Amino acid sequence: MRKLILSIAVVFSLSSYGQTNSAEKTKEILPEDIAVFIDSNLAKSEVVKSLNPNDIESMNVIKRDTIIDSKKYKGQIFIKLKKK
């Protein structure tokens, strides 16, 4: 019984460790094949990374292939900022 409990604890801790690492990676990386629009303007990844979450009024995600300026994107993110 002790071996079973220990095995479950080890498996649980390893699975949560893998999830934490993948979540941290997604926070740091913005895929190049996603078009991000801020207030209807195509934005570069540096601008998106520097956004303050408190400045965002709304955000919409569209998972559809599209071509913008002869570049293919797999999805689009539309961010609307709060008016100051």
PDB file of N, CA and C in Angstrom:
ATOM      1  N   MET A   1       0.815  -1.196   0.000  1.00  0.00           N
ATOM      2  CA  MET A   1       0.000   0.000   0.000  1.00  0.00           C
ATOM      3  C   MET A   1       0.854   1.254   0.000  1.00  0.00           C
ATOM      4  N   ARG A   2       1.936   1.250   0.788  1.00  0.00           N
ATOM      5  CA  ARG A   2       2.831   2.401   0.844  1.00  0.00           C
ATOM      6  C   ARG A   2       3.492   2.644  -0.506  1.00  0.00           C
ATOM      7  N   LYS A   3       3.874   1.543  -1.183  1.00  0.00           N
ATOM      8  CA  LYS A   3       4.506   1.680  -2.498  1.00  0.00           C
ATOM      9  C   LYS A   3       3.540   2.304  -3.500  1.00  0.00           C
ATOM     10  N   LEU A   4       2.262   1.935  -3.423  1.00  0.00           N
ATOM     11  CA  LEU A   4       1.249   2.485  -4.317  1.00  0.00           C
ATOM     12  C   LEU A   4       1.082   3.989  -4.080  1.00  0.00           C
ATOM     13  N   ILE A   5       0.987   4.390  -2.828  1.00  0.00           N
ATOM     14  CA  ILE A   5       0.840   5.810  -2.500  1.00  0.00           C
ATOM     15  C   ILE A   5       2.074   6.588  -2.938  1.00  0.00           C
ATOM     16  N   LEU A   6       3.260   6.051  -2.711  1.00  0.00           N
ATOM     17  CA  LEU A   6       4.496   6.708  -3.115  1.00  0.00           C
ATOM     18  C   LEU A   6       4.570   6.821  -4.635  1.00  0.00           C
ATOM     19  N   SER A   7       4.173   5.773  -5.345  1.00  0.00           N
ATOM     20  CA  SER A   7       4.185   5.806  -6.811  1.00  0.00           C
ATOM     21  C   SER A   7       3.229   6.867  -7.345  1.00  0.00           C
ATOM     22  N   ILE A   8       2.051   6.960  -6.770  1.00  0.00           N
ATOM     23  CA  ILE A   8       1.081   7.959  -7.197  1.00  0.00           C
ATOM     24  C   ILE A   8       1.620   9.367  -6.934  1.00  0.00           C
ATOM     25  N   ALA A   9       2.235   9.570  -5.795  1.00  0.00           N
ATOM     26  CA  ALA A   9       2.795  10.883  -5.462  1.00  0.00           C
ATOM     27  C   ALA A   9       3.898  11.276  -6.436  1.00  0.00           C
ATOM     28  N   VAL A  10       4.755  10.336  -6.786  1.00  0.00           N
ATOM     29  CA  VAL A  10       5.844  10.621  -7.726  1.00  0.00           C
ATOM     30  C   VAL A  10       5.291  10.953  -9.106  1.00  0.00           C
ATOM     31  N   VAL A  11       4.337  10.167  -9.589  1.00  0.00           N
ATOM     32  CA  VAL A  11       3.742  10.414 -10.900  1.00  0.00           C
ATOM     33  C   VAL A  11       3.043  11.770 -10.919  1.00  0.00           C
ATOM     34  N   PHE A  12       2.312  12.086  -9.871  1.00  0.00           N
ATOM     35  CA  PHE A  12       1.606  13.368  -9.799  1.00  0.00           C
ATOM     36  C   PHE A  12       2.591  14.531  -9.812  1.00  0.00           C
ATOM     37  N   SER A  13       3.669  14.442  -9.048  1.00  0.00           N
ATOM     38  CA  SER A  13       4.633  15.545  -8.996  1.00  0.00           C
ATOM     39  C   SER A  13       5.358  15.693 -10.326  1.00  0.00           C
ATOM     40  N   LEU A  14       5.667  14.602 -11.004  1.00  0.00           N
ATOM     41  CA  LEU A  14       6.328  14.688 -12.303  1.00  0.00           C
ATOM     42  C   LEU A  14       5.403  15.289 -13.366  1.00  0.00           C
ATOM     43  N   SER A  15       4.128  14.910 -13.346  1.00  0.00           N
ATOM     44  CA  SER A  15       3.207  15.448 -14.342  1.00  0.00           C
ATOM     45  C   SER A  15       2.969  16.934 -14.118  1.00  0.00           C
ATOM     46  N   SER A  16       2.877  17.385 -12.879  1.00  0.00           N
ATOM     47  CA  SER A  16       2.689  18.815 -12.627  1.00  0.00           C
ATOM     48  C   SER A  16       3.968  19.580 -12.951  1.00  0.00           C
ATOM     49  N   TYR A  17       5.136  18.958 -12.782  1.00  0.00           N
ATOM     50  CA  TYR A  17       6.391  19.614 -13.147  1.00  0.00           C
ATOM     51  C   TYR A  17       6.449  19.872 -14.644  1.00  0.00           C
ATOM     52  N   GLY A  18       6.051  18.920 -15.452  1.00  0.00           N
ATOM     53  CA  GLY A  18       6.044  19.098 -16.902  1.00  0.00           C
ATOM     54  C   GLY A  18       5.066  20.170 -17.341  1.00  0.00           C
ATOM     55  N   GLN A  19       3.926  20.258 -16.686  1.00  0.00           N
ATOM     56  CA  GLN A  19       2.934  21.271 -17.036  1.00  0.00           C
ATOM     57  C   GLN A  19       3.431  22.660 -16.680  1.00  0.00           C
ATOM     58  N   THR A  20       4.124  22.799 -15.572  1.00  0.00           N
ATOM     59  CA  THR A  20       4.646  24.100 -15.173  1.00  0.00           C
ATOM     60  C   THR A  20       5.670  24.593 -16.185  1.00  0.00           C
ATOM     61  N   ASN A  21       6.547  23.712 -16.619  1.00  0.00           N
ATOM     62  CA  ASN A  21       7.567  24.124 -17.582  1.00  0.00           C
ATOM     63  C   ASN A  21       6.951  24.530 -18.909  1.00  0.00           C
ATOM     64  N   SER A  22       5.961  23.798 -19.393  1.00  0.00           N
ATOM     65  CA  SER A  22       5.354  24.146 -20.673  1.00  0.00           C
ATOM     66  C   SER A  22       4.570  25.448 -20.556  1.00  0.00           C
ATOM     67  N   ALA A  23       3.957  25.721 -19.422  1.00  0.00           N
ATOM     68  CA  ALA A  23       3.231  26.986 -19.234  1.00  0.00           C
ATOM     69  C   ALA A  23       4.203  28.154 -19.208  1.00  0.00           C
ATOM     70  N   GLU A  24       5.352  27.970 -18.578  1.00  0.00           N
ATOM     71  CA  GLU A  24       6.346  29.042 -18.551  1.00  0.00           C
ATOM     72  C   GLU A  24       6.872  29.323 -19.949  1.00  0.00           C
ATOM     73  N   LYS A  25       7.054  28.301 -20.758  1.00  0.00           N
ATOM     74  CA  LYS A  25       7.540  28.495 -22.121  1.00  0.00           C
ATOM     75  C   LYS A  25       6.534  29.255 -22.962  1.00  0.00           C
ATOM     76  N   THR A  26       5.242  28.979 -22.793  1.00  0.00           N
ATOM     77  CA  THR A  26       4.248  29.670 -23.606  1.00  0.00           C
ATOM     78  C   THR A  26       4.147  31.134 -23.229  1.00  0.00           C
ATOM     79  N   LYS A  27       4.413  31.487 -22.007  1.00  0.00           N
ATOM     80  CA  LYS A  27       4.389  32.889 -21.604  1.00  0.00           C
ATOM     81  C   LYS A  27       5.517  33.662 -22.273  1.00  0.00           C
ATOM     82  N   GLU A  28       6.638  32.996 -22.513  1.00  0.00           N
ATOM     83  CA  GLU A  28       7.809  33.679 -23.049  1.00  0.00           C
ATOM     84  C   GLU A  28       7.806  33.746 -24.573  1.00  0.00           C
ATOM     85  N   ILE A  29       7.126  32.838 -25.236  1.00  0.00           N
ATOM     86  CA  ILE A  29       7.222  32.733 -26.689  1.00  0.00           C
ATOM     87  C   ILE A  29       5.903  33.128 -27.340  1.00  0.00           C
ATOM     88  N   LEU A  30       5.978  34.033 -28.304  1.00  0.00           N
ATOM     89  CA  LEU A  30       4.819  34.383 -29.117  1.00  0.00           C
ATOM     90  C   LEU A  30       5.091  33.832 -30.511  1.00  0.00           C
ATOM     91  N   PRO A  31       4.295  32.876 -30.970  1.00  0.00           N
ATOM     92  CA  PRO A  31       4.546  32.269 -32.277  1.00  0.00           C
ATOM     93  C   PRO A  31       4.532  33.301 -33.400  1.00  0.00           C
ATOM     94  N   GLU A  32       5.410  33.134 -34.358  1.00  0.00           N
ATOM     95  CA  GLU A  32       5.499  34.052 -35.493  1.00  0.00           C
ATOM     96  C   GLU A  32       4.369  33.846 -36.491  1.00  0.00           C
ATOM     97  N   ASP A  33       3.674  32.700 -36.409  1.00  0.00           N
ATOM     98  CA  ASP A  33       2.599  32.435 -37.361  1.00  0.00           C
ATOM     99  C   ASP A  33       1.221  32.842 -36.825  1.00  0.00           C
ATOM    100  N   ILE A  34       1.214  33.717 -35.814  1.00  0.00           N
ATOM    101  CA  ILE A  34      -0.023  34.281 -35.276  1.00  0.00           C
ATOM    102  C   ILE A  34       0.007  35.789 -35.522  1.00  0.00           C
ATOM    103  N   ALA A  35      -1.033  36.304 -36.188  1.00  0.00           N
ATOM    104  CA  ALA A  35      -1.137  37.743 -36.439  1.00  0.00           C
ATOM    105  C   ALA A  35      -1.798  38.406 -35.238  1.00  0.00           C
ATOM    106  N   VAL A  36      -1.142  39.422 -34.677  1.00  0.00           N
ATOM    107  CA  VAL A  36      -1.676  40.132 -33.522  1.00  0.00           C
ATOM    108  C   VAL A  36      -1.995  41.559 -33.937  1.00  0.00           C
ATOM    109  N   PHE A  37      -3.240  41.953 -33.706  1.00  0.00           N
ATOM    110  CA  PHE A  37      -3.685  43.299 -34.034  1.00  0.00           C
ATOM    111  C   PHE A  37      -3.996  44.040 -32.737  1.00  0.00           C
ATOM    112  N   ILE A  38      -3.415  45.220 -32.581  1.00  0.00           N
ATOM    113  CA  ILE A  38      -3.715  46.075 -31.440  1.00  0.00           C
ATOM    114  C   ILE A  38      -4.416  47.304 -31.976  1.00  0.00           C
ATOM    115  N   ASP A  39      -5.657  47.501 -31.562  1.00  0.00           N
ATOM    116  CA  ASP A  39      -6.489  48.602 -32.060  1.00  0.00           C
ATOM    117  C   ASP A  39      -6.474  48.652 -33.585  1.00  0.00           C
ATOM    118  N   SER A  40      -6.692  47.513 -34.209  1.00  0.00           N
ATOM    119  CA  SER A  40      -6.807  47.332 -35.666  1.00  0.00           C
ATOM    120  C   SER A  40      -5.499  47.513 -36.438  1.00  0.00           C
ATOM    121  N   ASN A  41      -4.362  47.572 -35.758  1.00  0.00           N
ATOM    122  CA  ASN A  41      -3.065  47.693 -36.429  1.00  0.00           C
ATOM    123  C   ASN A  41      -2.248  46.431 -36.161  1.00  0.00           C
ATOM    124  N   LEU A  42      -1.638  45.879 -37.217  1.00  0.00           N
ATOM    125  CA  LEU A  42      -0.786  44.706 -37.065  1.00  0.00           C
ATOM    126  C   LEU A  42       0.405  45.076 -36.192  1.00  0.00           C
ATOM    127  N   ALA A  43       0.636  44.311 -35.133  1.00  0.00           N
ATOM    128  CA  ALA A  43       1.685  44.638 -34.158  1.00  0.00           C
ATOM    129  C   ALA A  43       2.829  43.638 -34.228  1.00  0.00           C
ATOM    130  N   LYS A  44       4.003  44.110 -33.867  1.00  0.00           N
ATOM    131  CA  LYS A  44       5.176  43.240 -33.774  1.00  0.00           C
ATOM    132  C   LYS A  44       5.188  42.573 -32.404  1.00  0.00           C
ATOM    133  N   SER A  45       5.926  41.466 -32.296  1.00  0.00           N
ATOM    134  CA  SER A  45       5.925  40.698 -31.057  1.00  0.00           C
ATOM    135  C   SER A  45       6.506  41.496 -29.886  1.00  0.00           C
ATOM    136  N   GLU A  46       7.437  42.413 -30.139  1.00  0.00           N
ATOM    137  CA  GLU A  46       8.015  43.216 -29.059  1.00  0.00           C
ATOM    138  C   GLU A  46       6.955  44.110 -28.424  1.00  0.00           C
ATOM    139  N   VAL A  47       6.067  44.647 -29.249  1.00  0.00           N
ATOM    140  CA  VAL A  47       4.996  45.512 -28.746  1.00  0.00           C
ATOM    141  C   VAL A  47       4.018  44.700 -27.909  1.00  0.00           C
ATOM    142  N   VAL A  48       3.701  43.514 -28.364  1.00  0.00           N
ATOM    143  CA  VAL A  48       2.754  42.660 -27.652  1.00  0.00           C
ATOM    144  C   VAL A  48       3.325  42.250 -26.300  1.00  0.00           C
ATOM    145  N   LYS A  49       4.594  41.910 -26.256  1.00  0.00           N
ATOM    146  CA  LYS A  49       5.225  41.488 -25.006  1.00  0.00           C
ATOM    147  C   LYS A  49       5.307  42.623 -23.992  1.00  0.00           C
ATOM    148  N   SER A  50       5.338  43.859 -24.467  1.00  0.00           N
ATOM    149  CA  SER A  50       5.463  44.993 -23.557  1.00  0.00           C
ATOM    150  C   SER A  50       4.111  45.528 -23.073  1.00  0.00           C
ATOM    151  N   LEU A  51       3.013  44.927 -23.514  1.00  0.00           N
ATOM    152  CA  LEU A  51       1.696  45.398 -23.095  1.00  0.00           C
ATOM    153  C   LEU A  51       1.459  45.148 -21.608  1.00  0.00           C
ATOM    154  N   ASN A  52       0.799  46.103 -20.977  1.00  0.00           N
ATOM    155  CA  ASN A  52       0.374  45.947 -19.598  1.00  0.00           C
ATOM    156  C   ASN A  52      -1.025  45.315 -19.617  1.00  0.00           C
ATOM    157  N   PRO A  53      -1.236  44.190 -18.959  1.00  0.00           N
ATOM    158  CA  PRO A  53      -2.550  43.545 -18.978  1.00  0.00           C
ATOM    159  C   PRO A  53      -3.689  44.448 -18.488  1.00  0.00           C
ATOM    160  N   ASN A  54      -3.372  45.394 -17.630  1.00  0.00           N
ATOM    161  CA  ASN A  54      -4.399  46.303 -17.128  1.00  0.00           C
ATOM    162  C   ASN A  54      -4.867  47.297 -18.187  1.00  0.00           C
ATOM    163  N   ASP A  55      -4.112  47.458 -19.270  1.00  0.00           N
ATOM    164  CA  ASP A  55      -4.484  48.373 -20.350  1.00  0.00           C
ATOM    165  C   ASP A  55      -5.400  47.724 -21.384  1.00  0.00           C
ATOM    166  N   ILE A  56      -5.612  46.420 -21.284  1.00  0.00           N
ATOM    167  CA  ILE A  56      -6.415  45.698 -22.269  1.00  0.00           C
ATOM    168  C   ILE A  56      -7.891  45.749 -21.888  1.00  0.00           C
ATOM    169  N   GLU A  57      -8.713  46.225 -22.828  1.00  0.00           N
ATOM    170  CA  GLU A  57     -10.165  46.248 -22.620  1.00  0.00           C
ATOM    171  C   GLU A  57     -10.788  44.921 -23.027  1.00  0.00           C
ATOM    172  N   SER A  58     -10.410  44.409 -24.211  1.00  0.00           N
ATOM    173  CA  SER A  58     -10.943  43.127 -24.673  1.00  0.00           C
ATOM    174  C   SER A  58      -9.941  42.461 -25.599  1.00  0.00           C
ATOM    175  N   MET A  59     -10.158  41.144 -25.779  1.00  0.00           N
ATOM    176  CA  MET A  59      -9.274  40.375 -26.643  1.00  0.00           C
ATOM    177  C   MET A  59     -10.096  39.268 -27.292  1.00  0.00           C
ATOM    178  N   ASN A  60      -9.920  39.088 -28.610  1.00  0.00           N
ATOM    179  CA  ASN A  60     -10.602  38.034 -29.354  1.00  0.00           C
ATOM    180  C   ASN A  60      -9.570  37.192 -30.074  1.00  0.00           C
ATOM    181  N   VAL A  61      -9.810  35.890 -30.118  1.00  0.00           N
ATOM    182  CA  VAL A  61      -8.913  34.955 -30.786  1.00  0.00           C
ATOM    183  C   VAL A  61      -9.682  34.258 -31.890  1.00  0.00           C
ATOM    184  N   ILE A  62      -9.095  34.260 -33.092  1.00  0.00           N
ATOM    185  CA  ILE A  62      -9.703  33.571 -34.229  1.00  0.00           C
ATOM    186  C   ILE A  62      -8.714  32.514 -34.704  1.00  0.00           C
ATOM    187  N   LYS A  63      -9.141  31.259 -34.693  1.00  0.00           N
ATOM    188  CA  LYS A  63      -8.288  30.159 -35.126  1.00  0.00           C
ATOM    189  C   LYS A  63      -8.650  29.802 -36.558  1.00  0.00           C
ATOM    190  N   ARG A  64      -8.072  30.542 -37.501  1.00  0.00           N
ATOM    191  CA  ARG A  64      -8.363  30.319 -38.912  1.00  0.00           C
ATOM    192  C   ARG A  64      -7.148  30.785 -39.716  1.00  0.00           C
ATOM    193  N   ASP A  65      -6.808  30.040 -40.758  1.00  0.00           N
ATOM    194  CA  ASP A  65      -5.702  30.441 -41.629  1.00  0.00           C
ATOM    195  C   ASP A  65      -6.072  31.693 -42.400  1.00  0.00           C
ATOM    196  N   THR A  66      -5.124  32.601 -42.509  1.00  0.00           N
ATOM    197  CA  THR A  66      -5.342  33.831 -43.261  1.00  0.00           C
ATOM    198  C   THR A  66      -4.016  34.292 -43.855  1.00  0.00           C
ATOM    199  N   ILE A  67      -4.087  35.094 -44.899  1.00  0.00           N
ATOM    200  CA  ILE A  67      -2.885  35.645 -45.528  1.00  0.00           C
ATOM    201  C   ILE A  67      -2.941  37.160 -45.407  1.00  0.00           C
ATOM    202  N   ILE A  68      -1.895  37.745 -44.826  1.00  0.00           N
ATOM    203  CA  ILE A  68      -1.790  39.187 -44.665  1.00  0.00           C
ATOM    204  C   ILE A  68      -0.430  39.601 -45.198  1.00  0.00           C
ATOM    205  N   ASP A  69      -0.425  40.527 -46.161  1.00  0.00           N
ATOM    206  CA  ASP A  69       0.824  40.994 -46.786  1.00  0.00           C
ATOM    207  C   ASP A  69       1.678  39.827 -47.277  1.00  0.00           C
ATOM    208  N   SER A  70       1.061  38.904 -47.961  1.00  0.00           N
ATOM    209  CA  SER A  70       1.671  37.712 -48.562  1.00  0.00           C
ATOM    210  C   SER A  70       2.340  36.781 -47.542  1.00  0.00           C
ATOM    211  N   LYS A  71       1.963  36.882 -46.285  1.00  0.00           N
ATOM    212  CA  LYS A  71       2.458  35.968 -45.259  1.00  0.00           C
ATOM    213  C   LYS A  71       1.280  35.199 -44.688  1.00  0.00           C
ATOM    214  N   LYS A  72       1.441  33.875 -44.541  1.00  0.00           N
ATOM    215  CA  LYS A  72       0.360  33.027 -44.044  1.00  0.00           C
ATOM    216  C   LYS A  72       0.420  32.950 -42.524  1.00  0.00           C
ATOM    217  N   TYR A  73      -0.724  33.185 -41.895  1.00  0.00           N
ATOM    218  CA  TYR A  73      -0.855  33.086 -40.447  1.00  0.00           C
ATOM    219  C   TYR A  73      -1.862  31.997 -40.116  1.00  0.00           C
ATOM    220  N   LYS A  74      -1.623  31.284 -39.015  1.00  0.00           N
ATOM    221  CA  LYS A  74      -2.522  30.206 -38.596  1.00  0.00           C
ATOM    222  C   LYS A  74      -3.631  30.701 -37.686  1.00  0.00           C
ATOM    223  N   GLY A  75      -3.531  31.916 -37.213  1.00  0.00           N
ATOM    224  CA  GLY A  75      -4.551  32.456 -36.331  1.00  0.00           C
ATOM    225  C   GLY A  75      -4.368  33.949 -36.164  1.00  0.00           C
ATOM    226  N   GLN A  76      -5.361  34.578 -35.536  1.00  0.00           N
ATOM    227  CA  GLN A  76      -5.323  36.023 -35.324  1.00  0.00           C
ATOM    228  C   GLN A  76      -5.757  36.329 -33.907  1.00  0.00           C
ATOM    229  N   ILE A  77      -5.122  37.328 -33.313  1.00  0.00           N
ATOM    230  CA  ILE A  77      -5.512  37.827 -32.001  1.00  0.00           C
ATOM    231  C   ILE A  77      -5.804  39.312 -32.155  1.00  0.00           C
ATOM    232  N   PHE A  78      -6.986  39.728 -31.743  1.00  0.00           N
ATOM    233  CA  PHE A  78      -7.384  41.127 -31.803  1.00  0.00           C
ATOM    234  C   PHE A  78      -7.449  41.668 -30.379  1.00  0.00           C
ATOM    235  N   ILE A  79      -6.640  42.688 -30.100  1.00  0.00           N
ATOM    236  CA  ILE A  79      -6.589  43.295 -28.765  1.00  0.00           C
ATOM    237  C   ILE A  79      -7.098  44.722 -28.866  1.00  0.00           C
ATOM    238  N   LYS A  80      -8.045  45.049 -28.007  1.00  0.00           N
ATOM    239  CA  LYS A  80      -8.549  46.421 -27.935  1.00  0.00           C
ATOM    240  C   LYS A  80      -8.104  47.007 -26.613  1.00  0.00           C
ATOM    241  N   LEU A  81      -7.406  48.151 -26.679  1.00  0.00           N
ATOM    242  CA  LEU A  81      -6.902  48.784 -25.484  1.00  0.00           C
ATOM    243  C   LEU A  81      -7.927  49.751 -24.905  1.00  0.00           C
ATOM    244  N   LYS A  82      -7.831  49.970 -23.600  1.00  0.00           N
ATOM    245  CA  LYS A  82      -8.698  50.947 -22.942  1.00  0.00           C
ATOM    246  C   LYS A  82      -8.311  52.341 -23.404  1.00  0.00           C
ATOM    247  N   LYS A  83      -9.298  53.193 -23.547  1.00  0.00           N
ATOM    248  CA  LYS A  83      -9.025  54.586 -23.929  1.00  0.00           C
ATOM    249  C   LYS A  83      -8.580  55.346 -22.694  1.00  0.00           C
ATOM    250  N   LYS A  84      -7.587  56.199 -22.874  1.00  0.00           N
ATOM    251  CA  LYS A  84      -7.052  56.968 -21.743  1.00  0.00           C
ATOM    252  C   LYS A  84      -7.608  58.351 -21.733  1.00  0.00           C
TER     253      LYS A  84
END
